[in-house]
Amino acid sequence: MLATTLAGVISISAAAVFSFTLLSKMVERMVSLSVGIMLSTSLLHALPEAFESGADTHSLFAALLAGLLAFFMLEKLAILRHSHHHEGDGHHHAHGHDKHEAGRAGWMILVGDGMHNFTDGILIAAAFLADPQLGIVTGVAIIAHEIPQEIGDFIVLLNAGFSRTRAYVYNLLCSLLAVAGGLLGYYTLDSAKHLIPYVLVFASSGFIYIAVSDLMPQMQRRATLKETVPQVLLIALGVCIVLFLTAAHH
């Protein structure tokens, strides 16, 4: 319980300090960093872990497909609700609509992040059940890989129009799902161990969907070379951060 709570609170607070002080003036630029972090966390860390677990490959791909379609439907519902709300009001929504588009990514990132944290909690519980020392090491490793991911999340939330306080509170609530995952894992792990890869895949599908369908199109609107070079460099930096921490984690 202590390990999962600390893992959540420390990673969120450290990410908040970075995001709100060093990065807050460059939120639009930092969306590129967040894309690099989210895609590489999913494709180089979580998905390989799931596929190396020995779970059925076809079933894992089915879970990935289900996740992508579920996030598509979640976004579709948000768009339908928004267009119904503004139907026939005669206003032009160009600027606000951009903000709303980013806002959808904010809510979806919280869903994906909540599931990811829930899985982290289960993994910490599994490690403690195997060996308390391994549990502590796993907790520290999870904090290390969560911090850059949470920085990415904060950037998306700020870009989506969330206030700093709201972004922190929502992210903290999501991080506490690690405690719920830890409790569930501790009491049911023997029978539910086989589900971990599927939860990992589903959470990853959320990060991939948000990066590819919401954040990258925002970045493509700024098509000048002056804008493109920093975008590419920041995506590469995000990938390098995750590679470095994944290597440390292993």
Protein backbone atom coordinates (compact mmCIF):
# COMPACT_ATOMS: atom_id res chain seq x y z
CA MET A 1 0.00 0.00 0.00
CA LEU A 2 2.78 2.40 1.01
CA ALA A 3 4.84 1.57 -2.10
CA THR A 4 1.92 2.07 -4.52
CA THR A 5 0.84 5.32 -2.81
CA LEU A 6 4.39 6.71 -2.78
CA ALA A 7 4.98 5.63 -6.39
CA GLY A 8 1.87 7.57 -7.43
CA VAL A 9 2.34 10.70 -5.31
CA ILE A 10 6.11 11.09 -5.89
CA SER A 11 5.91 10.60 -9.67
CA ILE A 12 2.92 12.98 -10.02
CA SER A 13 4.47 15.68 -7.80
CA ALA A 14 7.88 15.51 -9.49
CA ALA A 15 6.21 15.67 -12.92
CA ALA A 16 4.07 18.62 -11.78
CA VAL A 17 7.15 20.57 -10.62
CA PHE A 18 8.83 20.08 -14.02
CA SER A 19 5.68 20.74 -16.06
CA PHE A 20 4.46 23.82 -14.18
CA THR A 21 7.82 25.55 -13.72
CA LEU A 22 10.30 24.62 -16.43
CA LEU A 23 7.90 23.63 -19.19
CA SER A 24 4.73 25.70 -18.68
CA LYS A 25 5.92 28.53 -20.94
CA MET A 26 6.50 26.04 -23.76
CA VAL A 27 3.39 23.86 -23.53
CA GLU A 28 2.75 23.84 -27.30
CA ARG A 29 6.36 22.86 -28.02
CA MET A 30 6.29 20.23 -25.30
CA VAL A 31 3.35 18.42 -26.96
CA SER A 32 6.06 17.00 -29.29
CA LEU A 33 8.02 15.68 -26.29
CA SER A 34 4.84 14.14 -24.96
CA VAL A 35 4.23 12.34 -28.31
CA GLY A 36 7.74 10.84 -28.15
CA ILE A 37 7.23 9.73 -24.54
CA MET A 38 3.75 8.25 -25.09
CA LEU A 39 4.57 6.33 -28.28
CA SER A 40 7.84 4.93 -26.94
CA THR A 41 6.35 4.06 -23.52
CA SER A 42 3.70 2.05 -25.37
CA LEU A 43 5.68 0.58 -28.25
CA LEU A 44 9.08 0.05 -26.61
CA HIS A 45 8.10 -0.69 -23.00
CA ALA A 46 4.51 -1.76 -22.23
CA LEU A 47 3.66 -3.72 -25.40
CA PRO A 48 6.93 -5.72 -25.49
CA GLU A 49 6.36 -6.55 -21.80
CA ALA A 50 2.85 -7.79 -22.62
CA PHE A 51 3.94 -9.82 -25.66
CA GLU A 52 6.89 -11.38 -23.81
CA SER A 53 4.57 -12.56 -21.03
CA GLY A 54 3.61 -15.72 -22.92
CA ALA A 55 -0.02 -14.61 -23.40
CA ASP A 56 -1.71 -15.59 -26.67
CA THR A 57 -0.47 -13.20 -29.41
CA HIS A 58 -3.77 -13.16 -31.33
CA SER A 59 -5.69 -12.29 -28.16
CA LEU A 60 -3.26 -9.46 -27.33
CA PHE A 61 -3.67 -7.99 -30.83
CA ALA A 62 -7.46 -8.31 -30.38
CA ALA A 63 -7.13 -6.35 -27.10
CA LEU A 64 -5.07 -3.70 -28.95
CA LEU A 65 -7.75 -3.42 -31.65
CA ALA A 66 -10.51 -3.27 -29.00
CA GLY A 67 -8.59 -0.53 -27.17
CA LEU A 68 -8.08 1.61 -30.29
CA LEU A 69 -11.77 1.28 -31.23
CA ALA A 70 -12.87 2.00 -27.64
CA PHE A 71 -10.85 5.24 -27.56
CA PHE A 72 -12.22 6.15 -31.00
CA MET A 73 -15.78 5.70 -29.68
CA LEU A 74 -14.97 7.65 -26.51
CA GLU A 75 -13.75 10.54 -28.67
CA LYS A 76 -16.73 10.21 -31.02
CA LEU A 77 -19.12 10.57 -28.07
CA ALA A 78 -17.27 13.71 -26.95
CA ILE A 79 -17.52 15.21 -30.48
CA LEU A 80 -21.23 14.36 -30.81
CA ARG A 81 -22.00 15.90 -27.43
CA HIS A 82 -20.04 19.04 -28.35
CA SER A 83 -21.68 19.50 -31.79
CA HIS A 84 -25.16 18.94 -30.30
CA HIS A 85 -24.41 21.55 -27.63
CA HIS A 86 -23.46 24.17 -30.26
CA GLU A 87 -26.05 23.26 -32.94
CA GLY A 88 -27.69 26.28 -34.56
CA ASP A 89 -26.19 28.91 -32.26
CA GLY A 90 -24.84 30.80 -35.29
CA HIS A 91 -21.36 31.27 -33.87
CA HIS A 92 -18.07 30.47 -35.58
CA HIS A 93 -16.09 28.07 -33.37
CA ALA A 94 -12.70 27.92 -35.08
CA HIS A 95 -10.55 28.92 -32.09
CA GLY A 96 -12.71 27.26 -29.42
CA HIS A 97 -13.03 24.13 -31.48
CA ASP A 98 -9.24 23.72 -31.52
CA LYS A 99 -9.27 24.01 -27.74
CA HIS A 100 -12.11 21.48 -27.53
CA GLU A 101 -10.22 19.08 -29.80
CA ALA A 102 -7.29 19.29 -27.41
CA GLY A 103 -9.74 18.93 -24.50
CA ARG A 104 -10.87 15.51 -25.70
CA ALA A 105 -7.27 14.34 -25.63
CA GLY A 106 -7.13 15.55 -22.00
CA TRP A 107 -10.00 13.32 -20.89
CA MET A 108 -8.76 10.34 -22.89
CA ILE A 109 -5.27 10.62 -21.43
CA LEU A 110 -6.78 10.37 -17.94
CA VAL A 111 -8.58 7.13 -18.90
CA GLY A 112 -5.42 5.61 -20.40
CA ASP A 113 -3.26 6.82 -17.53
CA GLY A 114 -5.66 5.45 -14.92
CA MET A 115 -5.47 1.99 -16.48
CA HIS A 116 -1.68 2.20 -16.75
CA ASN A 117 -1.38 3.13 -13.06
CA PHE A 118 -3.77 0.32 -12.12
CA THR A 119 -1.43 -2.10 -13.94
CA ASP A 120 1.61 -0.60 -12.18
CA GLY A 121 -0.10 -1.28 -8.84
CA ILE A 122 -0.65 -4.92 -9.81
CA LEU A 123 3.02 -5.22 -10.87
CA ILE A 124 4.24 -3.74 -7.55
CA ALA A 125 2.01 -6.19 -5.63
CA ALA A 126 3.34 -9.11 -7.71
CA ALA A 127 6.93 -8.07 -6.98
CA PHE A 128 6.27 -7.74 -3.20
CA LEU A 129 4.63 -11.18 -3.14
CA ALA A 130 7.72 -12.65 -4.80
CA ASP A 131 10.25 -10.82 -2.60
CA PRO A 132 9.90 -7.58 -0.52
CA GLN A 133 13.27 -6.32 -1.77
CA LEU A 134 12.17 -6.86 -5.38
CA GLY A 135 8.98 -4.96 -4.50
CA ILE A 136 10.98 -1.90 -3.39
CA VAL A 137 13.18 -2.01 -6.51
CA THR A 138 10.08 -2.34 -8.72
CA GLY A 139 8.45 0.61 -6.96
CA VAL A 140 11.52 2.79 -7.58
CA ALA A 141 11.73 1.66 -11.23
CA ILE A 142 8.04 2.46 -11.76
CA ILE A 143 8.52 5.96 -10.26
CA ALA A 144 11.45 6.47 -12.67
CA HIS A 145 9.48 5.52 -15.79
CA GLU A 146 6.29 7.24 -14.58
CA ILE A 147 7.88 10.71 -14.17
CA PRO A 148 8.53 11.37 -17.90
CA GLN A 149 5.17 9.80 -18.80
CA GLU A 150 3.38 12.01 -16.25
CA ILE A 151 5.23 15.09 -17.59
CA GLY A 152 3.82 14.10 -21.00
CA ASP A 153 0.34 13.79 -19.46
CA PHE A 154 0.56 17.19 -17.72
CA ILE A 155 1.61 18.82 -20.98
CA VAL A 156 -1.41 17.30 -22.78
CA LEU A 157 -3.76 18.41 -19.95
CA LEU A 158 -2.39 21.98 -19.91
CA ASN A 159 -2.61 22.08 -23.71
CA ALA A 160 -6.22 20.86 -23.36
CA GLY A 161 -7.12 23.90 -21.25
CA PHE A 162 -7.00 22.28 -17.80
CA SER A 163 -5.85 24.63 -15.02
CA ARG A 164 -2.70 23.59 -13.14
CA THR A 165 -4.67 22.67 -10.01
CA ARG A 166 -7.24 20.68 -11.97
CA ALA A 167 -4.52 18.88 -13.95
CA TYR A 168 -2.69 18.00 -10.71
CA VAL A 169 -5.82 16.81 -8.84
CA TYR A 170 -7.11 14.66 -11.74
CA ASN A 171 -3.67 13.17 -12.35
CA LEU A 172 -3.27 12.45 -8.62
CA LEU A 173 -6.66 10.67 -8.53
CA CYS A 174 -5.58 8.60 -11.56
CA SER A 175 -2.29 7.77 -9.87
CA LEU A 176 -4.14 6.45 -6.81
CA LEU A 177 -5.58 3.73 -9.04
CA ALA A 178 -2.13 2.18 -8.51
CA VAL A 179 -3.23 1.60 -4.88
CA ALA A 180 -6.44 -0.09 -6.08
CA GLY A 181 -4.37 -2.21 -8.50
CA GLY A 182 -1.97 -3.09 -5.68
CA LEU A 183 -4.80 -4.21 -3.38
CA LEU A 184 -6.50 -6.22 -6.12
CA GLY A 185 -3.18 -7.74 -7.16
CA TYR A 186 -2.26 -8.66 -3.59
CA TYR A 187 -5.48 -10.57 -2.98
CA THR A 188 -6.23 -12.06 -6.41
CA LEU A 189 -2.90 -12.30 -8.20
CA ASP A 190 -2.70 -16.06 -8.40
CA SER A 191 -5.96 -16.22 -10.35
CA ALA A 192 -5.68 -12.87 -12.24
CA LYS A 193 -2.01 -12.87 -13.27
CA HIS A 194 -2.93 -13.77 -16.85
CA LEU A 195 -4.93 -10.53 -17.21
CA ILE A 196 -1.95 -8.17 -16.68
CA PRO A 197 -0.73 -8.31 -20.33
CA TYR A 198 -4.25 -7.44 -21.58
CA VAL A 199 -4.55 -4.44 -19.26
CA LEU A 200 -1.09 -3.28 -20.40
CA VAL A 201 -2.09 -3.60 -24.07
CA PHE A 202 -5.40 -1.76 -23.55
CA ALA A 203 -3.68 1.12 -21.70
CA SER A 204 -1.04 1.31 -24.48
CA SER A 205 -3.74 1.51 -27.15
CA GLY A 206 -4.99 4.67 -25.41
CA PHE A 207 -1.58 6.35 -25.51
CA ILE A 208 -1.04 5.37 -29.16
CA TYR A 209 -4.50 6.60 -30.17
CA ILE A 210 -4.11 9.97 -28.38
CA ALA A 211 -0.62 10.57 -29.82
CA VAL A 212 -1.54 9.64 -33.40
CA SER A 213 -5.10 10.97 -33.69
CA ASP A 214 -5.05 14.08 -31.47
CA LEU A 215 -1.54 15.37 -30.80
CA MET A 216 0.21 14.72 -34.12
CA PRO A 217 -2.54 16.44 -36.19
CA GLN A 218 -2.15 19.50 -33.92
CA MET A 219 1.58 19.48 -34.66
CA GLN A 220 1.01 19.11 -38.43
CA ARG A 221 -0.85 22.43 -38.52
CA ARG A 222 2.48 24.21 -37.99
CA ALA A 223 4.15 23.14 -41.20
CA THR A 224 7.11 25.56 -41.40
CA LEU A 225 10.68 24.26 -41.20
CA LYS A 226 11.25 26.53 -38.18
CA GLU A 227 8.46 24.68 -36.31
CA THR A 228 9.23 21.20 -37.68
CA VAL A 229 12.88 20.94 -36.56
CA PRO A 230 12.12 21.47 -32.81
CA GLN A 231 9.13 19.10 -33.09
CA VAL A 232 11.29 16.28 -34.51
CA LEU A 233 14.08 16.91 -31.96
CA LEU A 234 11.61 16.88 -29.03
CA ILE A 235 9.95 13.65 -30.24
CA ALA A 236 13.46 12.10 -30.44
CA LEU A 237 14.24 13.39 -26.93
CA GLY A 238 11.02 11.77 -25.60
CA VAL A 239 12.02 8.44 -27.18
CA CYS A 240 15.56 8.70 -25.74
CA ILE A 241 14.24 9.41 -22.21
CA VAL A 242 12.05 6.29 -22.30
CA LEU A 243 14.84 4.14 -23.81
CA PHE A 244 17.22 5.28 -21.08
CA LEU A 245 14.73 4.58 -18.26
CA THR A 246 13.62 1.26 -19.80
CA ALA A 247 17.28 0.17 -19.91
CA ALA A 248 17.65 1.21 -16.24
CA HIS A 249 14.39 -0.64 -15.43
CA HIS A 250 15.79 -3.86 -16.92
